[in-house]
Amino acid sequence: MRSAHRSALALACSCFTACHQPQGAETVVVVTWDTVRTELLLGTERTWDTTPNLDDFFDDATVFPRMLTPRGLTGPALSSMLTGAYPHKHGVRDNRGDAPRFPTLMDRFQDAGYTTWAYSANMCQIIASGVDRTECTSPAEIDSGSRQERDIILVDRLVDDLAGLRDGQHLFLWLHLAHPHDPYELVEPWYSEFHPQSYQGDLDPGSANDVRGVTFSTLEYSEQDRDHMEAAYASQIRETDQLTARVFSELDKVGRYEDAVVVFGVDHGEELADHNRYFAHGCSPYNSVLNVVYAFRAPGVTPAGVWLESWRSPVDVAPTVVELANAFEWQEGGESRSLLSAMTSTEDADEPVFFERGVHTAGVVWHEAKYIYSGETEFDDCHPYSGSGHTYPTEQEELYDLVMDPDELSNLAGQDLALQGELRSKLCDWVLESAWVSTGQQMADNALVIMCMSDAAR
């Protein structure tokens, strides 16, 4: 069935591009990985050689190592990257199946005459429109198989399809690989390379019960357990790096890599017990989850090997891709803006960057300080807390010095009231600039909005 579907799509695309020949870069590629801690992508900070192939790409690209994802969940994070809008604007606030209400990069490039492909191992509702060829290996599409197997199937299909591209066919491709996600797997030979000593403990990284037991403090978590868990997680990233290299190699083989606009990014990170013995991501407002990496490569345009260290947001990725491709103009203004001027001037601006953890909790990073306001004193709308009888510990206000305390372990709220008030004001300006929640009743019950409106009335 897929072959017939593809043949029809190929014919339609051929007829369309013959009538509407697009302008700009012939090949635009966006590759994203799911659930990757930033230090495992940064050669100066990591313990293991987890991403040798990605390192080569970074050498040719402009790298933003301090992007702050707008939400530590795949659906909202990827929707923001693809639309150039924050979650309260595009409407995707969780992973429950909504597609963004704004046009995505696929929609925009398709309208510009590009053939659009989207290959994803997760959150496939995001690619419901604007896509000429869709491949999805999410659990809803494939009944069995690990995340590693689903990523391999996805890349196999993509490599086969790349071989059939026509000369002169303008292509926009988005590939999302999901393997670094839990349940964590020991991938050989990488695990043994990263953890050559014999593990004597009982913790199974792939067991939801074991991981939940550590989080809920019913199981111990020793240094030996930690080394074992982190090596398993790192082995998944090493495997994903190899799959990505295979895609880049095939693009080069078919003559599509050398002159292509290529963007790499991550949707969100992973706690791995950094805070509250929590391993996943949806509960966390901390930078082990929110700090992600993006890199941009456009030959002759983006400087190679340049790292820009100021905090930025992935909402700026979509207009940046559009400007690098030079295929059409980015229409919306406001929250998102292209990063190309920052790349070419290498001026590192320091502007406030915002994030949320659902509708009741949001925060801002500015001038190496981070402020969080939580309207939920007992947060449980996230895996594995939901329905467990346990809640993720949280405080109403948190303030961190990201220079002196990059791990966010010392809450300074109440100590520097001037800085706390300034960041809270910036956060509230952002929250109140448009409808933070969708209905008046939700607005009236929202503790974050109530706090901001109370501040504004003073």
Protein backbone atom coordinates (compact mmCIF):
# COMPACT_ATOMS: atom_id res chain seq x y z
CA MET A 1 0.00 0.00 0.00
CA ARG A 2 2.81 2.38 0.84
CA SER A 3 4.37 1.93 -2.62
CA ALA A 4 1.14 2.87 -4.40
CA HIS A 5 0.66 5.82 -2.08
CA ARG A 6 4.20 6.99 -2.77
CA SER A 7 3.77 6.64 -6.53
CA ALA A 8 0.69 8.84 -6.45
CA LEU A 9 2.45 11.38 -4.30
CA ALA A 10 5.50 11.39 -6.55
CA LEU A 11 3.34 12.02 -9.62
CA ALA A 12 1.46 14.83 -7.85
CA CYS A 13 4.67 16.40 -6.67
CA SER A 14 6.18 16.14 -10.15
CA CYS A 15 3.18 17.90 -11.71
CA PHE A 16 3.17 20.57 -9.00
CA THR A 17 6.86 21.44 -9.16
CA ALA A 18 6.76 21.53 -12.96
CA CYS A 19 4.12 24.26 -12.73
CA HIS A 20 5.58 26.04 -9.71
CA GLN A 21 9.37 25.88 -9.69
CA PRO A 22 10.55 27.01 -6.24
CA GLN A 23 13.40 29.39 -5.55
CA GLY A 24 16.15 29.20 -2.97
CA ALA A 25 18.25 26.34 -1.65
CA GLU A 26 17.55 23.09 -3.44
CA THR A 27 17.79 20.98 -0.28
CA VAL A 28 16.77 21.97 3.26
CA VAL A 29 17.21 19.38 6.03
CA VAL A 30 16.17 19.65 9.68
CA VAL A 31 17.25 16.79 11.96
CA THR A 32 16.05 16.64 15.56
CA TRP A 33 16.77 14.19 18.34
CA ASP A 34 14.49 13.40 21.24
CA THR A 35 15.54 13.67 24.90
CA VAL A 36 19.27 14.50 24.84
CA ARG A 37 21.20 16.10 27.68
CA THR A 38 23.30 18.96 26.41
CA GLU A 39 26.59 17.95 28.03
CA LEU A 40 26.59 14.75 25.97
CA LEU A 41 26.66 16.88 22.80
CA LEU A 42 29.40 19.26 23.94
CA GLY A 43 32.89 17.86 23.47
CA THR A 44 34.43 19.94 26.25
CA GLU A 45 32.00 18.74 28.92
CA ARG A 46 31.21 15.09 28.27
CA THR A 47 32.84 12.01 29.73
CA TRP A 48 32.38 9.71 26.72
CA ASP A 49 32.79 10.04 22.97
CA THR A 50 29.05 9.96 22.37
CA THR A 51 28.73 12.00 19.16
CA PRO A 52 31.85 11.83 16.97
CA ASN A 53 29.83 12.29 13.78
CA LEU A 54 27.86 15.21 15.13
CA ASP A 55 31.16 16.78 16.24
CA ASP A 56 32.20 16.87 12.57
CA PHE A 57 28.93 18.60 11.70
CA PHE A 58 29.44 21.16 14.47
CA ASP A 59 32.88 21.94 13.02
CA ASP A 60 31.12 23.08 9.83
CA ALA A 61 28.20 24.84 11.52
CA THR A 62 27.28 27.74 13.77
CA VAL A 63 26.31 26.26 17.11
CA PHE A 64 23.93 27.60 19.76
CA PRO A 65 24.71 25.49 22.84
CA ARG A 66 22.34 27.38 25.14
CA MET A 67 18.93 27.21 23.58
CA LEU A 68 16.13 27.11 26.16
CA THR A 69 13.31 24.89 24.98
CA PRO A 70 9.89 26.40 25.73
CA ARG A 71 8.61 23.18 27.32
CA GLY A 72 10.22 19.93 28.41
CA LEU A 73 7.82 17.83 26.34
CA THR A 74 8.19 16.70 22.74
CA GLY A 75 4.85 17.92 21.37
CA PRO A 76 5.07 21.52 22.60
CA ALA A 77 8.84 21.77 21.98
CA LEU A 78 8.78 20.52 18.39
CA SER A 79 5.66 22.52 17.60
CA SER A 80 7.48 25.67 18.74
CA MET A 81 10.53 24.85 16.63
CA LEU A 82 8.38 24.19 13.54
CA THR A 83 6.05 27.20 13.88
CA GLY A 84 8.17 29.94 15.49
CA ALA A 85 5.65 30.38 18.31
CA TYR A 86 5.49 29.60 22.01
CA PRO A 87 3.07 26.86 23.21
CA HIS A 88 0.38 29.26 24.45
CA LYS A 89 0.25 30.68 20.90
CA HIS A 90 0.41 27.51 18.76
CA GLY A 91 -1.85 25.63 21.20
CA VAL A 92 0.14 22.42 21.83
CA ARG A 93 0.60 22.28 25.61
CA ASP A 94 1.11 18.50 26.07
CA ASN A 95 1.63 15.22 24.20
CA ARG A 96 -2.03 14.25 23.98
CA GLY A 97 -2.44 14.44 20.21
CA ASP A 98 -2.98 18.05 19.18
CA ALA A 99 -1.37 19.50 16.07
CA PRO A 100 -0.22 23.14 16.14
CA ARG A 101 -2.77 25.69 14.97
CA PHE A 102 -0.09 27.71 13.15
CA PRO A 103 1.50 26.69 9.80
CA THR A 104 4.63 24.59 10.23
CA LEU A 105 7.85 24.72 8.23
CA MET A 106 6.45 21.86 6.13
CA ASP A 107 3.35 23.91 5.31
CA ARG A 108 5.44 26.94 4.37
CA PHE A 109 7.95 25.11 2.20
CA GLN A 110 5.19 23.15 0.48
CA ASP A 111 3.41 26.43 -0.34
CA ALA A 112 6.72 27.67 -1.80
CA GLY A 113 6.81 24.74 -4.22
CA TYR A 114 9.11 22.37 -2.35
CA THR A 115 8.53 18.66 -2.10
CA THR A 116 8.16 18.13 1.64
CA TRP A 117 9.08 14.97 3.53
CA ALA A 118 8.62 14.29 7.24
CA TYR A 119 10.02 11.18 8.91
CA SER A 120 9.35 10.93 12.63
CA ALA A 121 9.55 8.27 15.32
CA ASN A 122 7.38 10.28 17.72
CA MET A 123 4.51 12.80 17.89
CA CYS A 124 3.37 12.11 14.34
CA GLN A 125 0.25 14.28 14.73
CA ILE A 126 2.58 17.25 14.22
CA ILE A 127 3.12 16.21 10.60
CA ALA A 128 -0.57 16.04 9.71
CA SER A 129 -0.36 18.82 7.10
CA GLY A 130 2.05 20.29 4.60
CA VAL A 131 3.78 16.98 3.95
CA ASP A 132 3.99 15.23 0.59
CA ARG A 133 5.60 12.11 2.03
CA THR A 134 5.06 11.03 5.63
CA GLU A 135 6.80 8.19 7.41
CA CYS A 136 5.93 7.56 11.05
CA THR A 137 7.28 4.82 13.31
CA SER A 138 5.62 5.90 16.55
CA PRO A 139 4.12 3.15 18.74
CA ALA A 140 0.71 3.98 17.26
CA GLU A 141 2.04 3.12 13.79
CA ILE A 142 4.28 0.15 14.60
CA ASP A 143 2.90 -2.39 17.05
CA SER A 144 6.19 -3.65 18.42
CA GLY A 145 9.85 -2.84 18.54
CA SER A 146 12.12 -0.74 20.69
CA ARG A 147 12.80 2.92 20.01
CA GLN A 148 16.13 1.85 18.53
CA GLU A 149 14.39 -0.49 16.10
CA ARG A 150 11.84 2.17 15.16
CA ASP A 151 14.62 4.69 14.45
CA ILE A 152 16.46 2.15 12.30
CA ILE A 153 13.30 1.40 10.30
CA LEU A 154 12.76 5.13 9.81
CA VAL A 155 16.29 5.72 8.55
CA ASP A 156 16.12 2.65 6.29
CA ARG A 157 13.01 4.10 4.63
CA LEU A 158 14.56 7.54 4.29
CA VAL A 159 17.76 6.21 2.72
CA ASP A 160 15.72 4.22 0.20
CA ASP A 161 13.65 7.28 -0.67
CA LEU A 162 16.62 9.61 -1.05
CA ALA A 163 17.96 7.39 -3.80
CA GLY A 164 14.84 8.19 -5.86
CA LEU A 165 15.11 11.98 -5.79
CA ARG A 166 15.08 13.66 -9.19
CA ASP A 167 17.72 16.18 -10.23
CA GLY A 168 16.48 19.70 -9.59
CA GLN A 169 13.70 18.57 -7.26
CA HIS A 170 13.57 21.06 -4.35
CA LEU A 171 13.30 19.15 -1.08
CA PHE A 172 12.44 20.10 2.49
CA LEU A 173 13.10 17.20 4.87
CA TRP A 174 12.42 16.93 8.59
CA LEU A 175 13.74 13.85 10.41
CA HIS A 176 13.03 13.24 14.11
CA LEU A 177 14.81 10.37 15.87
CA ALA A 178 13.49 9.25 19.27
CA HIS A 179 15.86 6.59 20.57
CA PRO A 180 17.56 8.42 23.48
CA HIS A 181 14.14 8.45 25.20
CA ASP A 182 13.22 6.08 28.04
CA PRO A 183 12.88 3.14 28.53
CA TYR A 184 16.66 3.24 28.58
CA GLU A 185 18.50 0.53 26.67
CA LEU A 186 22.03 -0.88 26.77
CA VAL A 187 23.20 -0.56 23.17
CA GLU A 188 26.31 -2.49 22.25
CA PRO A 189 29.14 -2.04 21.56
CA TRP A 190 28.74 1.45 22.98
CA TYR A 191 27.61 0.49 26.46
CA SER A 192 30.64 -1.74 27.03
CA GLU A 193 32.91 1.00 25.70
CA PHE A 194 31.42 3.53 28.11
CA HIS A 195 31.10 1.10 31.05
CA PRO A 196 33.90 -1.51 30.77
CA GLN A 197 33.66 -2.55 34.42
CA SER A 198 31.17 -5.24 35.38
CA TYR A 199 27.95 -3.91 36.91
CA GLN A 200 27.08 -5.77 40.11
CA GLY A 201 23.79 -4.04 40.95
CA ASP A 202 20.15 -4.90 40.24
CA LEU A 203 18.92 -1.73 38.53
CA ASP A 204 17.45 -2.39 35.06
CA PRO A 205 17.47 0.87 33.02
CA GLY A 206 14.68 -0.51 30.84
CA SER A 207 12.40 -1.32 33.75
CA ALA A 208 9.76 1.32 34.42
CA ASN A 209 9.25 -0.18 37.87
CA ASP A 210 12.94 0.14 38.74
CA VAL A 211 13.18 3.72 37.53
CA ARG A 212 9.93 4.64 39.27
CA GLY A 213 11.19 2.97 42.44
CA VAL A 214 14.28 5.19 42.48
CA THR A 215 12.18 8.32 41.87
CA PHE A 216 9.71 7.44 44.65
CA SER A 217 12.59 6.46 47.01
CA THR A 218 11.54 2.83 47.37
CA LEU A 219 14.82 1.73 45.77
CA GLU A 220 18.35 2.89 46.50
CA TYR A 221 20.39 4.68 43.83
CA SER A 222 24.11 4.20 44.39
CA GLU A 223 27.03 5.70 42.49
CA GLN A 224 27.42 2.31 40.82
CA ASP A 225 23.77 2.41 39.75
CA ARG A 226 24.22 5.95 38.45
CA ASP A 227 27.26 5.00 36.34
CA HIS A 228 25.33 2.06 34.91
CA MET A 229 22.23 4.13 34.09
CA GLU A 230 24.14 7.02 32.55
CA ALA A 231 26.28 4.69 30.40
CA ALA A 232 23.14 2.99 29.09
CA TYR A 233 21.62 6.36 28.22
CA ALA A 234 24.86 7.52 26.56
CA SER A 235 24.98 4.33 24.47
CA GLN A 236 21.57 5.25 23.00
CA ILE A 237 22.90 8.66 22.01
CA ARG A 238 25.95 7.07 20.37
CA GLU A 239 23.67 4.85 18.30
CA THR A 240 21.56 7.86 17.27
CA ASP A 241 24.73 9.68 16.22
CA GLN A 242 25.61 6.77 13.94
CA LEU A 243 22.14 6.74 12.37
CA THR A 244 22.36 10.48 11.71
CA ALA A 245 25.75 10.01 10.06
CA ARG A 246 24.17 7.42 7.79
CA VAL A 247 21.56 9.96 6.67
CA PHE A 248 24.19 12.64 6.04
CA SER A 249 26.26 10.12 4.09
CA GLU A 250 23.31 9.18 1.88
CA LEU A 251 22.51 12.86 1.27
CA ASP A 252 26.12 13.30 0.14
CA LYS A 253 25.94 10.17 -2.03
CA VAL A 254 22.96 11.53 -3.97
CA GLY A 255 24.56 14.97 -4.29
CA ARG A 256 22.28 16.66 -1.75
CA TYR A 257 24.57 17.46 1.18
CA GLU A 258 27.38 19.77 0.07
CA ASP A 259 25.16 22.75 -0.79
CA ALA A 260 22.26 21.94 1.54
CA VAL A 261 20.94 24.01 4.42
CA VAL A 262 21.23 21.57 7.32
CA VAL A 263 19.92 22.22 10.84
CA PHE A 264 20.37 20.01 13.87
CA GLY A 265 18.51 20.34 17.18
CA VAL A 266 17.06 18.66 20.25
CA ASP A 267 13.52 18.92 21.59
CA HIS A 268 14.43 18.66 25.30
CA GLY A 269 16.86 17.03 27.71
CA GLU A 270 16.52 14.53 30.55
CA GLU A 271 16.87 14.82 34.33
CA LEU A 272 18.59 11.47 35.08
CA ALA A 273 18.02 12.05 38.82
CA ASP A 274 19.56 15.55 38.92
CA HIS A 275 16.55 16.91 40.85
CA ASN A 276 14.22 14.96 43.14
CA ARG A 277 15.63 11.61 41.92
CA TYR A 278 13.59 12.18 38.77
CA PHE A 279 14.70 10.58 35.49
CA ALA A 280 12.33 11.85 32.79
CA HIS A 281 11.55 15.40 31.59
CA GLY A 282 7.90 16.53 31.64
CA CYS A 283 7.89 17.45 35.33
CA SER A 284 11.11 19.42 35.31
CA PRO A 285 11.55 23.19 34.93
CA TYR A 286 15.34 22.86 35.23
CA ASN A 287 18.06 23.26 32.62
CA SER A 288 19.06 19.61 32.49
CA VAL A 289 15.76 19.35 30.60
CA LEU A 290 15.30 22.85 29.16
CA ASN A 291 18.82 23.57 27.86
CA VAL A 292 19.14 22.16 24.34
CA VAL A 293 21.55 22.55 21.41
CA TYR A 294 20.86 23.78 17.87
CA ALA A 295 23.33 24.12 15.01
CA PHE A 296 22.96 25.66 11.54
CA ARG A 297 25.00 24.92 8.42
CA ALA A 298 24.50 26.86 5.19
CA PRO A 299 27.69 26.83 3.07
CA GLY A 300 28.93 30.31 2.28
CA VAL A 301 26.48 31.87 4.74
CA THR A 302 26.92 30.52 8.28
CA PRO A 303 30.41 30.74 9.81
CA ALA A 304 31.94 27.34 10.53
CA GLY A 305 32.89 26.28 14.04
CA VAL A 306 31.43 29.37 15.74
CA TRP A 307 29.65 28.90 19.08
CA LEU A 308 27.30 31.64 20.30
CA GLU A 309 26.84 31.40 24.04
CA SER A 310 23.86 33.64 24.89
CA TRP A 311 20.53 32.11 25.78
CA ARG A 312 18.17 31.77 22.82
CA SER A 313 14.86 30.06 22.12
CA PRO A 314 13.99 27.37 19.54
CA VAL A 315 11.06 29.58 18.49
CA ASP A 316 13.75 31.37 16.44
CA VAL A 317 14.61 28.23 14.47
CA ALA A 318 11.76 28.43 11.93
CA PRO A 319 12.50 31.98 10.70
CA THR A 320 16.21 31.15 10.67
CA VAL A 321 15.65 28.11 8.43
CA VAL A 322 13.51 30.20 6.10
CA GLU A 323 16.12 32.95 5.81
CA LEU A 324 18.97 30.48 5.29
CA ALA A 325 17.01 28.74 2.52
CA ASN A 326 16.28 32.12 0.86
CA ALA A 327 13.14 30.59 -0.66
CA PHE A 328 10.47 33.01 0.65
CA GLU A 329 9.99 35.61 3.36
CA TRP A 330 9.05 34.87 6.95
CA GLN A 331 5.72 36.61 7.48
CA GLU A 332 5.11 36.71 11.23
CA GLY A 333 6.89 39.11 13.55
CA GLY A 334 6.75 39.35 17.31
CA GLU A 335 8.19 36.51 19.34
CA SER A 336 10.40 34.82 16.77
CA ARG A 337 13.20 36.25 14.65
CA SER A 338 15.94 34.85 12.47
CA LEU A 339 19.28 34.18 14.10
CA LEU A 340 21.23 34.78 10.88
CA SER A 341 22.31 38.31 11.81
CA ALA A 342 23.64 37.01 15.11
CA MET A 343 25.58 34.30 13.26
CA THR A 344 27.14 36.57 10.67
CA SER A 345 28.00 39.38 13.08
CA THR A 346 28.75 36.92 15.91
CA GLU A 347 27.15 39.43 18.27
CA ASP A 348 25.77 37.55 21.24
CA ALA A 349 22.71 39.44 22.49
CA ASP A 350 21.32 38.75 25.95
CA GLU A 351 17.54 39.01 25.87
CA PRO A 352 14.98 37.31 28.10
CA VAL A 353 14.03 33.78 27.07
CA PHE A 354 10.82 32.21 28.36
CA PHE A 355 9.51 28.72 29.10
CA GLU A 356 6.56 26.97 30.72
CA ARG A 357 5.73 23.73 32.54
CA GLY A 358 2.07 23.62 31.68
CA VAL A 359 -0.40 26.45 32.12
CA HIS A 360 0.29 27.15 35.80
CA THR A 361 4.10 27.31 35.80
CA ALA A 362 6.41 29.47 33.70
CA GLY A 363 9.80 31.11 33.93
CA VAL A 364 12.42 33.30 32.34
CA VAL A 365 16.20 33.29 31.90
CA TRP A 366 17.94 36.66 31.58
CA HIS A 367 21.48 37.89 32.35
CA GLU A 368 22.48 34.47 33.72
CA ALA A 369 19.65 34.50 36.24
CA LYS A 370 16.64 32.20 36.15
CA TYR A 371 13.25 32.78 37.72
CA ILE A 372 10.38 30.25 38.00
CA TYR A 373 6.86 30.88 39.27
CA SER A 374 4.74 27.81 40.00
CA GLY A 375 1.03 27.92 40.66
CA GLU A 376 1.08 24.21 41.54
CA THR A 377 2.52 23.33 44.92
CA GLU A 378 1.99 19.63 44.16
CA PHE A 379 2.60 18.95 40.47
CA ASP A 380 1.72 15.50 39.10
CA ASP A 381 0.58 16.03 35.50
CA CYS A 382 3.61 14.22 34.11
CA HIS A 383 5.19 10.78 33.82
CA PRO A 384 5.57 8.86 36.15
CA TYR A 385 3.73 10.91 38.78
CA SER A 386 0.29 10.99 37.16
CA GLY A 387 -2.03 8.64 39.04
CA SER A 388 0.77 7.39 41.30
CA GLY A 389 -0.26 9.09 44.52
CA HIS A 390 3.08 10.93 44.48
CA THR A 391 3.72 14.53 43.43
CA TYR A 392 6.78 16.25 42.01
CA PRO A 393 8.18 18.61 44.69
CA THR A 394 8.00 22.26 43.73
CA GLU A 395 8.19 25.72 45.28
CA GLN A 396 6.10 28.74 44.39
CA GLU A 397 9.06 30.95 43.44
CA GLU A 398 12.60 29.94 42.51
CA LEU A 399 15.59 32.11 41.60
CA TYR A 400 18.96 30.78 40.46
CA ASP A 401 22.35 32.26 39.64
CA LEU A 402 23.33 30.20 36.59
CA VAL A 403 26.99 31.22 36.83
CA MET A 404 27.57 30.30 40.47
CA ASP A 405 24.96 27.53 40.53
CA PRO A 406 24.57 26.04 37.02
CA ASP A 407 22.93 22.89 38.42
CA GLU A 408 20.16 24.96 40.04
CA LEU A 409 20.53 23.50 43.52
CA SER A 410 20.39 26.69 45.62
CA ASN A 411 17.10 28.62 45.46
CA LEU A 412 17.81 32.32 46.04
CA ALA A 413 14.16 33.44 46.09
CA GLY A 414 13.68 35.95 48.87
CA GLN A 415 17.37 36.90 49.01
CA ASP A 416 17.74 39.26 46.04
CA LEU A 417 14.31 40.87 45.93
CA ALA A 418 15.26 43.48 43.33
CA LEU A 419 16.43 40.89 40.78
CA GLN A 420 13.53 38.59 41.64
CA GLY A 421 11.05 41.42 41.08
CA GLU A 422 12.64 42.41 37.76
CA LEU A 423 12.51 38.87 36.39
CA ARG A 424 8.99 38.34 37.69
CA SER A 425 7.91 41.54 35.91
CA LYS A 426 9.44 40.36 32.60
CA LEU A 427 7.73 37.00 32.99
CA CYS A 428 4.35 38.60 33.69
CA ASP A 429 4.65 40.96 30.71
CA TRP A 430 5.10 37.89 28.53
CA VAL A 431 2.27 35.91 30.15
CA LEU A 432 -0.24 38.78 29.92
CA GLU A 433 0.60 39.94 26.40
CA SER A 434 -1.88 37.45 24.91
CA ALA A 435 -4.35 34.80 26.03
CA TRP A 436 -2.32 32.51 28.26
CA VAL A 437 -5.11 29.93 28.44
CA SER A 438 -7.93 29.27 26.02
CA THR A 439 -11.07 30.02 28.04
CA GLY A 440 -12.17 32.65 30.51
CA GLN A 441 -12.87 30.04 33.18
CA GLN A 442 -9.34 28.65 32.93
CA MET A 443 -8.00 32.18 33.01
CA ALA A 444 -9.92 32.95 36.21
CA ASP A 445 -8.61 29.78 37.87
CA ASN A 446 -5.00 30.11 36.72
CA ALA A 447 -2.69 30.92 39.63
CA LEU A 448 0.08 32.25 37.37
CA VAL A 449 -2.27 34.65 35.58
CA ILE A 450 -3.86 35.73 38.87
CA MET A 451 -0.43 36.54 40.30
CA CYS A 452 0.57 38.53 37.23
CA MET A 453 -2.69 40.46 37.09
CA SER A 454 -2.35 41.25 40.79
CA ASP A 455 1.17 42.57 40.21
CA ALA A 456 0.02 44.63 37.24
CA ALA A 457 -2.77 46.22 39.31
CA ARG A 458 -0.37 47.52 41.97
